[in-house]
Amino acid sequence: MSDSDPVVKHSEEISYEPVDAAAGLRKGVLIDDSDGAPHFAIRRFELDAGAEVPEHTNEIEHEQYVLAGEYVVGIGDEEYTVSAGDSLLIPAGAVHWYRNEGDQPGAFLCAVPNGDDTIELVE
């Protein structure tokens, strides 16, 4: 049995904030430890057409699911074009970046372990 209570959040309850590291990127926290989730957080990101997220690392792994659009993701020395329905695993500490070359916005879900998810830009 779980120590957590069930949580249901409706879409209108989610607020989106710009991500300081990249113009044209917004983040909405769907569920995290502040909701009583003991292990994982789920976030939704929106990437504007033409937007880029610079090379960076995070201390924790990221599992992602592409909801909309098509964009390029760099992970290490490889580039991948992803679109709706694709999934990604970005290992903890891996250098990665995003570039939306299309004319449609992209959106993806990102599941991460609870804890510090500080972005470290790669210079």
PDB file of N, CA and C in Angstrom:
ATOM      1  N   MET A   1       0.837  -1.179   0.000  1.00  0.00           N
ATOM      2  CA  MET A   1       0.000   0.000   0.000  1.00  0.00           C
ATOM      3  C   MET A   1       0.885   1.245   0.000  1.00  0.00           C
ATOM      4  N   SER A   2       0.458   2.270  -0.660  1.00  0.00           N
ATOM      5  CA  SER A   2       1.240   3.496  -0.802  1.00  0.00           C
ATOM      6  C   SER A   2       0.948   4.478   0.320  1.00  0.00           C
ATOM      7  N   ASP A   3       1.953   5.294   0.644  1.00  0.00           N
ATOM      8  CA  ASP A   3       1.761   6.364   1.620  1.00  0.00           C
ATOM      9  C   ASP A   3       1.222   7.626   0.956  1.00  0.00           C
ATOM     10  N   SER A   4       1.113   7.635  -0.362  1.00  0.00           N
ATOM     11  CA  SER A   4       0.666   8.814  -1.105  1.00  0.00           C
ATOM     12  C   SER A   4      -0.830   8.778  -1.333  1.00  0.00           C
ATOM     13  N   ASP A   5      -1.427   9.960  -1.408  1.00  0.00           N
ATOM     14  CA  ASP A   5      -2.831  10.099  -1.774  1.00  0.00           C
ATOM     15  C   ASP A   5      -2.925  10.292  -3.275  1.00  0.00           C
ATOM     16  N   PRO A   6      -4.015   9.846  -3.886  1.00  0.00           N
ATOM     17  CA  PRO A   6      -4.190  10.080  -5.322  1.00  0.00           C
ATOM     18  C   PRO A   6      -4.258  11.582  -5.622  1.00  0.00           C
ATOM     19  N   VAL A   7      -3.806  11.957  -6.807  1.00  0.00           N
ATOM     20  CA  VAL A   7      -3.852  13.357  -7.256  1.00  0.00           C
ATOM     21  C   VAL A   7      -4.362  13.373  -8.684  1.00  0.00           C
ATOM     22  N   VAL A   8      -5.298  14.259  -8.959  1.00  0.00           N
ATOM     23  CA  VAL A   8      -5.753  14.507 -10.327  1.00  0.00           C
ATOM     24  C   VAL A   8      -5.632  16.008 -10.554  1.00  0.00           C
ATOM     25  N   LYS A   9      -4.855  16.382 -11.567  1.00  0.00           N
ATOM     26  CA  LYS A   9      -4.711  17.790 -11.932  1.00  0.00           C
ATOM     27  C   LYS A   9      -5.252  17.959 -13.348  1.00  0.00           C
ATOM     28  N   HIS A  10      -6.084  18.950 -13.521  1.00  0.00           N
ATOM     29  CA  HIS A  10      -6.649  19.233 -14.839  1.00  0.00           C
ATOM     30  C   HIS A  10      -5.747  20.216 -15.581  1.00  0.00           C
ATOM     31  N   SER A  11      -5.807  20.179 -16.907  1.00  0.00           N
ATOM     32  CA  SER A  11      -4.897  20.976 -17.734  1.00  0.00           C
ATOM     33  C   SER A  11      -4.917  22.454 -17.376  1.00  0.00           C
ATOM     34  N   GLU A  12      -6.075  22.982 -17.009  1.00  0.00           N
ATOM     35  CA  GLU A  12      -6.150  24.408 -16.673  1.00  0.00           C
ATOM     36  C   GLU A  12      -5.451  24.742 -15.353  1.00  0.00           C
ATOM     37  N   GLU A  13      -5.075  23.735 -14.590  1.00  0.00           N
ATOM     38  CA  GLU A  13      -4.355  23.950 -13.331  1.00  0.00           C
ATOM     39  C   GLU A  13      -2.845  24.038 -13.531  1.00  0.00           C
ATOM     40  N   ILE A  14      -2.367  23.719 -14.726  1.00  0.00           N
ATOM     41  CA  ILE A  14      -0.936  23.709 -14.997  1.00  0.00           C
ATOM     42  C   ILE A  14      -0.511  25.069 -15.538  1.00  0.00           C
ATOM     43  N   SER A  15       0.466  25.670 -14.888  1.00  0.00           N
ATOM     44  CA  SER A  15       1.003  26.938 -15.407  1.00  0.00           C
ATOM     45  C   SER A  15       2.349  26.658 -16.061  1.00  0.00           C
ATOM     46  N   TYR A  16       2.618  27.390 -17.122  1.00  0.00           N
ATOM     47  CA  TYR A  16       3.856  27.227 -17.887  1.00  0.00           C
ATOM     48  C   TYR A  16       4.741  28.435 -17.654  1.00  0.00           C
ATOM     49  N   GLU A  17       6.006  28.160 -17.408  1.00  0.00           N
ATOM     50  CA  GLU A  17       6.992  29.201 -17.137  1.00  0.00           C
ATOM     51  C   GLU A  17       8.100  29.118 -18.183  1.00  0.00           C
ATOM     52  N   PRO A  18       8.627  30.268 -18.601  1.00  0.00           N
ATOM     53  CA  PRO A  18       9.789  30.225 -19.506  1.00  0.00           C
ATOM     54  C   PRO A  18      10.982  29.571 -18.808  1.00  0.00           C
ATOM     55  N   VAL A  19      11.784  28.862 -19.573  1.00  0.00           N
ATOM     56  CA  VAL A  19      13.011  28.262 -19.051  1.00  0.00           C
ATOM     57  C   VAL A  19      14.149  29.243 -19.336  1.00  0.00           C
ATOM     58  N   ASP A  20      14.825  29.700 -18.289  1.00  0.00           N
ATOM     59  CA  ASP A  20      15.850  30.739 -18.428  1.00  0.00           C
ATOM     60  C   ASP A  20      16.959  30.369 -19.407  1.00  0.00           C
ATOM     61  N   ALA A  21      17.276  29.091 -19.515  1.00  0.00           N
ATOM     62  CA  ALA A  21      18.414  28.663 -20.332  1.00  0.00           C
ATOM     63  C   ALA A  21      18.148  28.776 -21.834  1.00  0.00           C
ATOM     64  N   ALA A  22      16.871  28.969 -22.245  1.00  0.00           N
ATOM     65  CA  ALA A  22      16.578  28.949 -23.686  1.00  0.00           C
ATOM     66  C   ALA A  22      15.330  29.764 -24.006  1.00  0.00           C
ATOM     67  N   ALA A  23      15.484  30.740 -24.884  1.00  0.00           N
ATOM     68  CA  ALA A  23      14.324  31.494 -25.365  1.00  0.00           C
ATOM     69  C   ALA A  23      13.455  30.560 -26.195  1.00  0.00           C
ATOM     70  N   GLY A  24      12.152  30.651 -26.007  1.00  0.00           N
ATOM     71  CA  GLY A  24      11.233  29.826 -26.779  1.00  0.00           C
ATOM     72  C   GLY A  24      10.953  28.462 -26.179  1.00  0.00           C
ATOM     73  N   LEU A  25      11.402  28.222 -24.941  1.00  0.00           N
ATOM     74  CA  LEU A  25      11.141  26.959 -24.246  1.00  0.00           C
ATOM     75  C   LEU A  25      10.360  27.258 -22.971  1.00  0.00           C
ATOM     76  N   ARG A  26       9.242  26.556 -22.784  1.00  0.00           N
ATOM     77  CA  ARG A  26       8.413  26.715 -21.592  1.00  0.00           C
ATOM     78  C   ARG A  26       8.230  25.361 -20.917  1.00  0.00           C
ATOM     79  N   LYS A  27       8.095  25.398 -19.565  1.00  0.00           N
ATOM     80  CA  LYS A  27       7.935  24.169 -18.785  1.00  0.00           C
ATOM     81  C   LYS A  27       6.713  24.274 -17.896  1.00  0.00           C
ATOM     82  N   GLY A  28       5.905  23.219 -17.902  1.00  0.00           N
ATOM     83  CA  GLY A  28       4.810  23.072 -16.962  1.00  0.00           C
ATOM     84  C   GLY A  28       5.025  21.809 -16.155  1.00  0.00           C
ATOM     85  N   VAL A  29       4.943  21.916 -14.840  1.00  0.00           N
ATOM     86  CA  VAL A  29       5.110  20.742 -13.980  1.00  0.00           C
ATOM     87  C   VAL A  29       3.734  20.101 -13.805  1.00  0.00           C
ATOM     88  N   LEU A  30       3.600  18.879 -14.305  1.00  0.00           N
ATOM     89  CA  LEU A  30       2.315  18.185 -14.240  1.00  0.00           C
ATOM     90  C   LEU A  30       2.121  17.530 -12.879  1.00  0.00           C
ATOM     91  N   ILE A  31       3.114  16.774 -12.434  1.00  0.00           N
ATOM     92  CA  ILE A  31       3.092  16.098 -11.129  1.00  0.00           C
ATOM     93  C   ILE A  31       4.525  16.054 -10.613  1.00  0.00           C
ATOM     94  N   ASP A  32       4.701  16.349  -9.318  1.00  0.00           N
ATOM     95  CA  ASP A  32       6.027  16.193  -8.710  1.00  0.00           C
ATOM     96  C   ASP A  32       5.887  15.986  -7.216  1.00  0.00           C
ATOM     97  N   ASP A  33       6.995  16.084  -6.503  1.00  0.00           N
ATOM     98  CA  ASP A  33       6.960  15.820  -5.067  1.00  0.00           C
ATOM     99  C   ASP A  33       6.060  16.783  -4.302  1.00  0.00           C
ATOM    100  N   SER A  34       5.836  17.981  -4.823  1.00  0.00           N
ATOM    101  CA  SER A  34       4.929  18.913  -4.143  1.00  0.00           C
ATOM    102  C   SER A  34       3.482  18.429  -4.188  1.00  0.00           C
ATOM    103  N   ASP A  35       3.192  17.491  -5.091  1.00  0.00           N
ATOM    104  CA  ASP A  35       1.859  16.878  -5.179  1.00  0.00           C
ATOM    105  C   ASP A  35       1.790  15.575  -4.391  1.00  0.00           C
ATOM    106  N   GLY A  36       2.903  15.195  -3.765  1.00  0.00           N
ATOM    107  CA  GLY A  36       2.957  13.966  -3.008  1.00  0.00           C
ATOM    108  C   GLY A  36       3.525  12.791  -3.781  1.00  0.00           C
ATOM    109  N   ALA A  37       4.004  13.030  -5.022  1.00  0.00           N
ATOM    110  CA  ALA A  37       4.619  11.943  -5.804  1.00  0.00           C
ATOM    111  C   ALA A  37       5.950  11.585  -5.151  1.00  0.00           C
ATOM    112  N   PRO A  38       6.111  10.364  -4.669  1.00  0.00           N
ATOM    113  CA  PRO A  38       7.293  10.046  -3.879  1.00  0.00           C
ATOM    114  C   PRO A  38       8.586   9.840  -4.667  1.00  0.00           C
ATOM    115  N   HIS A  39       8.493   9.521  -5.962  1.00  0.00           N
ATOM    116  CA  HIS A  39       9.708   9.136  -6.678  1.00  0.00           C
ATOM    117  C   HIS A  39       9.994   9.929  -7.944  1.00  0.00           C
ATOM    118  N   PHE A  40       8.964  10.276  -8.706  1.00  0.00           N
ATOM    119  CA  PHE A  40       9.175  10.848 -10.033  1.00  0.00           C
ATOM    120  C   PHE A  40       8.362  12.115 -10.243  1.00  0.00           C
ATOM    121  N   ALA A  41       8.844  12.938 -11.176  1.00  0.00           N
ATOM    122  CA  ALA A  41       8.125  14.123 -11.625  1.00  0.00           C
ATOM    123  C   ALA A  41       7.853  13.974 -13.121  1.00  0.00           C
ATOM    124  N   ILE A  42       6.712  14.494 -13.546  1.00  0.00           N
ATOM    125  CA  ILE A  42       6.396  14.554 -14.970  1.00  0.00           C
ATOM    126  C   ILE A  42       6.194  16.013 -15.323  1.00  0.00           C
ATOM    127  N   ARG A  43       6.912  16.431 -16.365  1.00  0.00           N
ATOM    128  CA  ARG A  43       6.831  17.829 -16.816  1.00  0.00           C
ATOM    129  C   ARG A  43       6.494  17.838 -18.301  1.00  0.00           C
ATOM    130  N   ARG A  44       5.869  18.928 -18.741  1.00  0.00           N
ATOM    131  CA  ARG A  44       5.569  19.101 -20.174  1.00  0.00           C
ATOM    132  C   ARG A  44       6.329  20.325 -20.656  1.00  0.00           C
ATOM    133  N   PHE A  45       7.081  20.152 -21.740  1.00  0.00           N
ATOM    134  CA  PHE A  45       7.842  21.245 -22.325  1.00  0.00           C
ATOM    135  C   PHE A  45       7.250  21.600 -23.678  1.00  0.00           C
ATOM    136  N   GLU A  46       7.280  22.883 -23.999  1.00  0.00           N
ATOM    137  CA  GLU A  46       6.862  23.390 -25.305  1.00  0.00           C
ATOM    138  C   GLU A  46       8.039  24.132 -25.912  1.00  0.00           C
ATOM    139  N   LEU A  47       8.390  23.783 -27.166  1.00  0.00           N
ATOM    140  CA  LEU A  47       9.532  24.355 -27.869  1.00  0.00           C
ATOM    141  C   LEU A  47       9.021  25.070 -29.114  1.00  0.00           C
ATOM    142  N   ASP A  48       9.108  26.397 -29.123  1.00  0.00           N
ATOM    143  CA  ASP A  48       8.609  27.189 -30.243  1.00  0.00           C
ATOM    144  C   ASP A  48       9.314  26.829 -31.545  1.00  0.00           C
ATOM    145  N   ALA A  49       8.614  27.035 -32.654  1.00  0.00           N
ATOM    146  CA  ALA A  49       9.235  26.903 -33.973  1.00  0.00           C
ATOM    147  C   ALA A  49      10.440  27.837 -34.032  1.00  0.00           C
ATOM    148  N   GLY A  50      11.562  27.341 -34.524  1.00  0.00           N
ATOM    149  CA  GLY A  50      12.779  28.135 -34.632  1.00  0.00           C
ATOM    150  C   GLY A  50      13.592  28.250 -33.351  1.00  0.00           C
ATOM    151  N   ALA A  51      13.099  27.713 -32.244  1.00  0.00           N
ATOM    152  CA  ALA A  51      13.798  27.838 -30.959  1.00  0.00           C
ATOM    153  C   ALA A  51      14.913  26.792 -30.835  1.00  0.00           C
ATOM    154  N   GLU A  52      15.929  27.143 -30.052  1.00  0.00           N
ATOM    155  CA  GLU A  52      17.038  26.240 -29.758  1.00  0.00           C
ATOM    156  C   GLU A  52      17.307  26.225 -28.265  1.00  0.00           C
ATOM    157  N   VAL A  53      17.662  25.063 -27.758  1.00  0.00           N
ATOM    158  CA  VAL A  53      18.108  24.914 -26.379  1.00  0.00           C
ATOM    159  C   VAL A  53      19.585  24.579 -26.462  1.00  0.00           C
ATOM    160  N   PRO A  54      20.455  25.382 -25.836  1.00  0.00           N
ATOM    161  CA  PRO A  54      21.901  25.149 -25.977  1.00  0.00           C
ATOM    162  C   PRO A  54      22.357  23.857 -25.310  1.00  0.00           C
ATOM    163  N   GLU A  55      23.584  23.440 -25.662  1.00  0.00           N
ATOM    164  CA  GLU A  55      24.173  22.254 -25.046  1.00  0.00           C
ATOM    165  C   GLU A  55      24.190  22.419 -23.528  1.00  0.00           C
ATOM    166  N   HIS A  56      23.735  21.367 -22.849  1.00  0.00           N
ATOM    167  CA  HIS A  56      23.710  21.398 -21.392  1.00  0.00           C
ATOM    168  C   HIS A  56      23.719  19.971 -20.860  1.00  0.00           C
ATOM    169  N   THR A  57      23.893  19.862 -19.561  1.00  0.00           N
ATOM    170  CA  THR A  57      23.800  18.587 -18.865  1.00  0.00           C
ATOM    171  C   THR A  57      22.856  18.739 -17.687  1.00  0.00           C
ATOM    172  N   ASN A  58      22.386  17.613 -17.200  1.00  0.00           N
ATOM    173  CA  ASN A  58      21.588  17.553 -15.975  1.00  0.00           C
ATOM    174  C   ASN A  58      22.151  16.409 -15.138  1.00  0.00           C
ATOM    175  N   GLU A  59      22.020  16.517 -13.833  1.00  0.00           N
ATOM    176  CA  GLU A  59      22.565  15.490 -12.949  1.00  0.00           C
ATOM    177  C   GLU A  59      21.716  14.236 -12.912  1.00  0.00           C
ATOM    178  N   ILE A  60      20.493  14.315 -13.438  1.00  0.00           N
ATOM    179  CA  ILE A  60      19.590  13.168 -13.378  1.00  0.00           C
ATOM    180  C   ILE A  60      19.161  12.747 -14.774  1.00  0.00           C
ATOM    181  N   GLU A  61      18.791  11.485 -14.916  1.00  0.00           N
ATOM    182  CA  GLU A  61      18.315  10.957 -16.193  1.00  0.00           C
ATOM    183  C   GLU A  61      16.994  11.615 -16.590  1.00  0.00           C
ATOM    184  N   HIS A  62      16.698  11.573 -17.888  1.00  0.00           N
ATOM    185  CA  HIS A  62      15.440  12.095 -18.428  1.00  0.00           C
ATOM    186  C   HIS A  62      14.843  11.045 -19.364  1.00  0.00           C
ATOM    187  N   GLU A  63      13.608  10.689 -19.146  1.00  0.00           N
ATOM    188  CA  GLU A  63      12.855   9.902 -20.107  1.00  0.00           C
ATOM    189  C   GLU A  63      11.863  10.849 -20.750  1.00  0.00           C
ATOM    190  N   GLN A  64      11.822  10.887 -22.071  1.00  0.00           N
ATOM    191  CA  GLN A  64      10.968  11.844 -22.771  1.00  0.00           C
ATOM    192  C   GLN A  64      10.069  11.143 -23.780  1.00  0.00           C
ATOM    193  N   TYR A  65       8.894  11.731 -23.972  1.00  0.00           N
ATOM    194  CA  TYR A  65       7.936  11.252 -24.958  1.00  0.00           C
ATOM    195  C   TYR A  65       7.471  12.456 -25.765  1.00  0.00           C
ATOM    196  N   VAL A  66       7.665  12.417 -27.075  1.00  0.00           N
ATOM    197  CA  VAL A  66       7.325  13.543 -27.948  1.00  0.00           C
ATOM    198  C   VAL A  66       5.821  13.554 -28.196  1.00  0.00           C
ATOM    199  N   LEU A  67       5.200  14.675 -27.887  1.00  0.00           N
ATOM    200  CA  LEU A  67       3.751  14.838 -28.060  1.00  0.00           C
ATOM    201  C   LEU A  67       3.385  15.464 -29.392  1.00  0.00           C
ATOM    202  N   ALA A  68       4.185  16.432 -29.847  1.00  0.00           N
ATOM    203  CA  ALA A  68       3.820  17.189 -31.046  1.00  0.00           C
ATOM    204  C   ALA A  68       5.054  17.753 -31.715  1.00  0.00           C
ATOM    205  N   GLY A  69       4.923  18.024 -33.017  1.00  0.00           N
ATOM    206  CA  GLY A  69       5.988  18.661 -33.772  1.00  0.00           C
ATOM    207  C   GLY A  69       7.087  17.692 -34.165  1.00  0.00           C
ATOM    208  N   GLU A  70       8.112  18.266 -34.774  1.00  0.00           N
ATOM    209  CA  GLU A  70       9.315  17.533 -35.151  1.00  0.00           C
ATOM    210  C   GLU A  70      10.489  18.451 -34.844  1.00  0.00           C
ATOM    211  N   TYR A  71      11.505  17.916 -34.202  1.00  0.00           N
ATOM    212  CA  TYR A  71      12.676  18.714 -33.866  1.00  0.00           C
ATOM    213  C   TYR A  71      13.888  17.799 -33.769  1.00  0.00           C
ATOM    214  N   VAL A  72      15.057  18.411 -33.687  1.00  0.00           N
ATOM    215  CA  VAL A  72      16.311  17.675 -33.617  1.00  0.00           C
ATOM    216  C   VAL A  72      16.808  17.707 -32.173  1.00  0.00           C
ATOM    217  N   VAL A  73      17.250  16.543 -31.699  1.00  0.00           N
ATOM    218  CA  VAL A  73      17.839  16.430 -30.369  1.00  0.00           C
ATOM    219  C   VAL A  73      19.262  15.920 -30.545  1.00  0.00           C
ATOM    220  N   GLY A  74      20.203  16.611 -29.956  1.00  0.00           N
ATOM    221  CA  GLY A  74      21.578  16.136 -29.921  1.00  0.00           C
ATOM    222  C   GLY A  74      21.836  15.510 -28.568  1.00  0.00           C
ATOM    223  N   ILE A  75      22.379  14.291 -28.573  1.00  0.00           N
ATOM    224  CA  ILE A  75      22.764  13.613 -27.330  1.00  0.00           C
ATOM    225  C   ILE A  75      24.181  13.102 -27.552  1.00  0.00           C
ATOM    226  N   GLY A  76      25.108  13.654 -26.794  1.00  0.00           N
ATOM    227  CA  GLY A  76      26.511  13.316 -27.026  1.00  0.00           C
ATOM    228  C   GLY A  76      26.905  13.779 -28.411  1.00  0.00           C
ATOM    229  N   ASP A  77      27.487  12.894 -29.224  1.00  0.00           N
ATOM    230  CA  ASP A  77      27.932  13.235 -30.578  1.00  0.00           C
ATOM    231  C   ASP A  77      26.898  12.892 -31.649  1.00  0.00           C
ATOM    232  N   GLU A  78      25.725  12.437 -31.254  1.00  0.00           N
ATOM    233  CA  GLU A  78      24.699  12.012 -32.210  1.00  0.00           C
ATOM    234  C   GLU A  78      23.552  13.018 -32.273  1.00  0.00           C
ATOM    235  N   GLU A  79      22.950  13.121 -33.468  1.00  0.00           N
ATOM    236  CA  GLU A  79      21.753  13.942 -33.664  1.00  0.00           C
ATOM    237  C   GLU A  79      20.602  13.030 -34.069  1.00  0.00           C
ATOM    238  N   TYR A  80      19.423  13.299 -33.515  1.00  0.00           N
ATOM    239  CA  TYR A  80      18.235  12.502 -33.807  1.00  0.00           C
ATOM    240  C   TYR A  80      17.087  13.441 -34.159  1.00  0.00           C
ATOM    241  N   THR A  81      16.385  13.158 -35.239  1.00  0.00           N
ATOM    242  CA  THR A  81      15.160  13.878 -35.548  1.00  0.00           C
ATOM    243  C   THR A  81      14.021  13.090 -34.924  1.00  0.00           C
ATOM    244  N   VAL A  82      13.241  13.764 -34.088  1.00  0.00           N
ATOM    245  CA  VAL A  82      12.147  13.094 -33.379  1.00  0.00           C
ATOM    246  C   VAL A  82      10.827  13.781 -33.708  1.00  0.00           C
ATOM    247  N   SER A  83       9.751  13.010 -33.606  1.00  0.00           N
ATOM    248  CA  SER A  83       8.412  13.548 -33.843  1.00  0.00           C
ATOM    249  C   SER A  83       7.422  12.817 -32.942  1.00  0.00           C
ATOM    250  N   ALA A  84       6.175  13.252 -32.988  1.00  0.00           N
ATOM    251  CA  ALA A  84       5.127  12.729 -32.105  1.00  0.00           C
ATOM    252  C   ALA A  84       5.140  11.206 -32.073  1.00  0.00           C
ATOM    253  N   GLY A  85       5.141  10.663 -30.859  1.00  0.00           N
ATOM    254  CA  GLY A  85       5.138   9.227 -30.652  1.00  0.00           C
ATOM    255  C   GLY A  85       6.504   8.647 -30.353  1.00  0.00           C
ATOM    256  N   ASP A  86       7.577   9.419 -30.574  1.00  0.00           N
ATOM    257  CA  ASP A  86       8.932   8.935 -30.299  1.00  0.00           C
ATOM    258  C   ASP A  86       9.269   9.082 -28.810  1.00  0.00           C
ATOM    259  N   SER A  87      10.166   8.227 -28.331  1.00  0.00           N
ATOM    260  CA  SER A  87      10.613   8.252 -26.941  1.00  0.00           C
ATOM    261  C   SER A  87      12.129   8.349 -26.885  1.00  0.00           C
ATOM    262  N   LEU A  88      12.641   8.965 -25.824  1.00  0.00           N
ATOM    263  CA  LEU A  88      14.079   9.145 -25.660  1.00  0.00           C
ATOM    264  C   LEU A  88      14.485   8.849 -24.226  1.00  0.00           C
ATOM    265  N   LEU A  89      15.695   8.354 -24.069  1.00  0.00           N
ATOM    266  CA  LEU A  89      16.342   8.280 -22.765  1.00  0.00           C
ATOM    267  C   LEU A  89      17.604   9.117 -22.864  1.00  0.00           C
ATOM    268  N   ILE A  90      17.694  10.131 -22.014  1.00  0.00           N
ATOM    269  CA  ILE A  90      18.902  10.951 -21.937  1.00  0.00           C
ATOM    270  C   ILE A  90      19.557  10.618 -20.599  1.00  0.00           C
ATOM    271  N   PRO A  91      20.690   9.905 -20.628  1.00  0.00           N
ATOM    272  CA  PRO A  91      21.331   9.483 -19.378  1.00  0.00           C
ATOM    273  C   PRO A  91      21.785  10.676 -18.531  1.00  0.00           C
ATOM    274  N   ALA A  92      21.855  10.470 -17.243  1.00  0.00           N
ATOM    275  CA  ALA A  92      22.360  11.493 -16.330  1.00  0.00           C
ATOM    276  C   ALA A  92      23.737  11.939 -16.777  1.00  0.00           C
ATOM    277  N   GLY A  93      23.957  13.239 -16.820  1.00  0.00           N
ATOM    278  CA  GLY A  93      25.258  13.794 -17.164  1.00  0.00           C
ATOM    279  C   GLY A  93      25.541  13.896 -18.649  1.00  0.00           C
ATOM    280  N   ALA A  94      24.680  13.362 -19.509  1.00  0.00           N
ATOM    281  CA  ALA A  94      24.923  13.412 -20.954  1.00  0.00           C
ATOM    282  C   ALA A  94      24.727  14.835 -21.480  1.00  0.00           C
ATOM    283  N   VAL A  95      25.655  15.287 -22.309  1.00  0.00           N
ATOM    284  CA  VAL A  95      25.499  16.582 -22.976  1.00  0.00           C
ATOM    285  C   VAL A  95      24.394  16.427 -24.018  1.00  0.00           C
ATOM    286  N   HIS A  96      23.417  17.343 -24.003  1.00  0.00           N
ATOM    287  CA  HIS A  96      22.330  17.283 -24.970  1.00  0.00           C
ATOM    288  C   HIS A  96      21.805  18.681 -25.283  1.00  0.00           C
ATOM    289  N   TRP A  97      21.058  18.794 -26.391  1.00  0.00           N
ATOM    290  CA  TRP A  97      20.519  20.068 -26.864  1.00  0.00           C
ATOM    291  C   TRP A  97      19.315  19.784 -27.756  1.00  0.00           C
ATOM    292  N   TYR A  98      18.545  20.841 -28.066  1.00  0.00           N
ATOM    293  CA  TYR A  98      17.355  20.727 -28.912  1.00  0.00           C
ATOM    294  C   TYR A  98      17.361  21.856 -29.937  1.00  0.00           C
ATOM    295  N   ARG A  99      16.821  21.571 -31.134  1.00  0.00           N
ATOM    296  CA  ARG A  99      16.691  22.605 -32.165  1.00  0.00           C
ATOM    297  C   ARG A  99      15.413  22.317 -32.966  1.00  0.00           C
ATOM    298  N   ASN A 100      14.492  23.264 -32.944  1.00  0.00           N
ATOM    299  CA  ASN A 100      13.254  23.118 -33.705  1.00  0.00           C
ATOM    300  C   ASN A 100      13.413  23.887 -35.009  1.00  0.00           C
ATOM    301  N   GLU A 101      13.723  23.175 -36.089  1.00  0.00           N
ATOM    302  CA  GLU A 101      13.950  23.795 -37.390  1.00  0.00           C
ATOM    303  C   GLU A 101      12.657  23.987 -38.171  1.00  0.00           C
ATOM    304  N   GLY A 102      11.558  23.457 -37.660  1.00  0.00           N
ATOM    305  CA  GLY A 102      10.287  23.507 -38.375  1.00  0.00           C
ATOM    306  C   GLY A 102       9.515  24.782 -38.139  1.00  0.00           C
ATOM    307  N   ASP A 103       8.316  24.825 -38.712  1.00  0.00           N
ATOM    308  CA  ASP A 103       7.452  25.995 -38.540  1.00  0.00           C
ATOM    309  C   ASP A 103       6.299  25.702 -37.578  1.00  0.00           C
ATOM    310  N   GLN A 104       6.350  24.541 -36.912  1.00  0.00           N
ATOM    311  CA  GLN A 104       5.355  24.162 -35.913  1.00  0.00           C
ATOM    312  C   GLN A 104       6.035  23.994 -34.554  1.00  0.00           C
ATOM    313  N   PRO A 105       5.340  24.342 -33.471  1.00  0.00           N
ATOM    314  CA  PRO A 105       5.933  24.122 -32.152  1.00  0.00           C
ATOM    315  C   PRO A 105       6.074  22.640 -31.857  1.00  0.00           C
ATOM    316  N   GLY A 106       7.012  22.311 -31.000  1.00  0.00           N
ATOM    317  CA  GLY A 106       7.188  20.950 -30.513  1.00  0.00           C
ATOM    318  C   GLY A 106       6.752  20.886 -29.061  1.00  0.00           C
ATOM    319  N   ALA A 107       6.385  19.706 -28.621  1.00  0.00           N
ATOM    320  CA  ALA A 107       6.017  19.512 -27.212  1.00  0.00           C
ATOM    321  C   ALA A 107       6.418  18.100 -26.812  1.00  0.00           C
ATOM    322  N   PHE A 108       6.873  17.973 -25.559  1.00  0.00           N
ATOM    323  CA  PHE A 108       7.237  16.649 -25.062  1.00  0.00           C
ATOM    324  C   PHE A 108       7.015  16.549 -23.571  1.00  0.00           C
ATOM    325  N   LEU A 109       6.753  15.323 -23.127  1.00  0.00           N
ATOM    326  CA  LEU A 109       6.706  15.011 -21.712  1.00  0.00           C
ATOM    327  C   LEU A 109       8.089  14.582 -21.278  1.00  0.00           C
ATOM    328  N   CYS A 110       8.446  14.920 -20.051  1.00  0.00           N
ATOM    329  CA  CYS A 110       9.745  14.554 -19.506  1.00  0.00           C
ATOM    330  C   CYS A 110       9.524  14.001 -18.099  1.00  0.00           C
ATOM    331  N   ALA A 111       9.893  12.746 -17.895  1.00  0.00           N
ATOM    332  CA  ALA A 111       9.807  12.121 -16.576  1.00  0.00           C
ATOM    333  C   ALA A 111      11.210  12.058 -15.989  1.00  0.00           C
ATOM    334  N   VAL A 112      11.327  12.496 -14.745  1.00  0.00           N
ATOM    335  CA  VAL A 112      12.624  12.515 -14.064  1.00  0.00           C
ATOM    336  C   VAL A 112      12.441  12.076 -12.616  1.00  0.00           C
ATOM    337  N   PRO A 113      13.489  11.526 -12.017  1.00  0.00           N
ATOM    338  CA  PRO A 113      13.422  11.259 -10.581  1.00  0.00           C
ATOM    339  C   PRO A 113      13.289  12.583  -9.824  1.00  0.00           C
ATOM    340  N   ASN A 114      12.583  12.572  -8.723  1.00  0.00           N
ATOM    341  CA  ASN A 114      12.508  13.770  -7.892  1.00  0.00           C
ATOM    342  C   ASN A 114      13.912  14.146  -7.423  1.00  0.00           C
ATOM    343  N   GLY A 115      14.135  15.426  -7.264  1.00  0.00           N
ATOM    344  CA  GLY A 115      15.429  15.889  -6.789  1.00  0.00           C
ATOM    345  C   GLY A 115      15.931  17.039  -7.650  1.00  0.00           C
ATOM    346  N   ASP A 116      17.134  17.450  -7.381  1.00  0.00           N
ATOM    347  CA  ASP A 116      17.721  18.591  -8.080  1.00  0.00           C
ATOM    348  C   ASP A 116      17.914  18.269  -9.546  1.00  0.00           C
ATOM    349  N   ASP A 117      17.406  19.162 -10.397  1.00  0.00           N
ATOM    350  CA  ASP A 117      17.535  18.997 -11.848  1.00  0.00           C
ATOM    351  C   ASP A 117      18.169  20.241 -12.444  1.00  0.00           C
ATOM    352  N   THR A 118      19.226  20.703 -11.842  1.00  0.00           N
ATOM    353  CA  THR A 118      19.896  21.908 -12.296  1.00  0.00           C
ATOM    354  C   THR A 118      20.478  21.721 -13.679  1.00  0.00           C
ATOM    355  N   ILE A 119      20.230  22.703 -14.546  1.00  0.00           N
ATOM    356  CA  ILE A 119      20.806  22.700 -15.889  1.00  0.00           C
ATOM    357  C   ILE A 119      22.189  23.343 -15.829  1.00  0.00           C
ATOM    358  N   GLU A 120      23.174  22.630 -16.342  1.00  0.00           N
ATOM    359  CA  GLU A 120      24.527  23.160 -16.459  1.00  0.00           C
ATOM    360  C   GLU A 120      24.827  23.392 -17.924  1.00  0.00           C
ATOM    361  N   LEU A 121      24.924  24.648 -18.346  1.00  0.00           N
ATOM    362  CA  LEU A 121      25.233  24.943 -19.740  1.00  0.00           C
ATOM    363  C   LEU A 121      26.665  24.546 -20.048  1.00  0.00           C
ATOM    364  N   VAL A 122      26.878  24.001 -21.261  1.00  0.00           N
ATOM    365  CA  VAL A 122      28.197  23.617 -21.710  1.00  0.00           C
ATOM    366  C   VAL A 122      28.768  24.800 -22.492  1.00  0.00           C
ATOM    367  N   GLU A 123      29.932  25.227 -22.140  1.00  0.00           N
ATOM    368  CA  GLU A 123      30.507  26.407 -22.785  1.00  0.00           C
ATOM    369  C   GLU A 123      31.365  26.051 -23.958  1.00  0.00           C
TER     370      GLU A 123
END
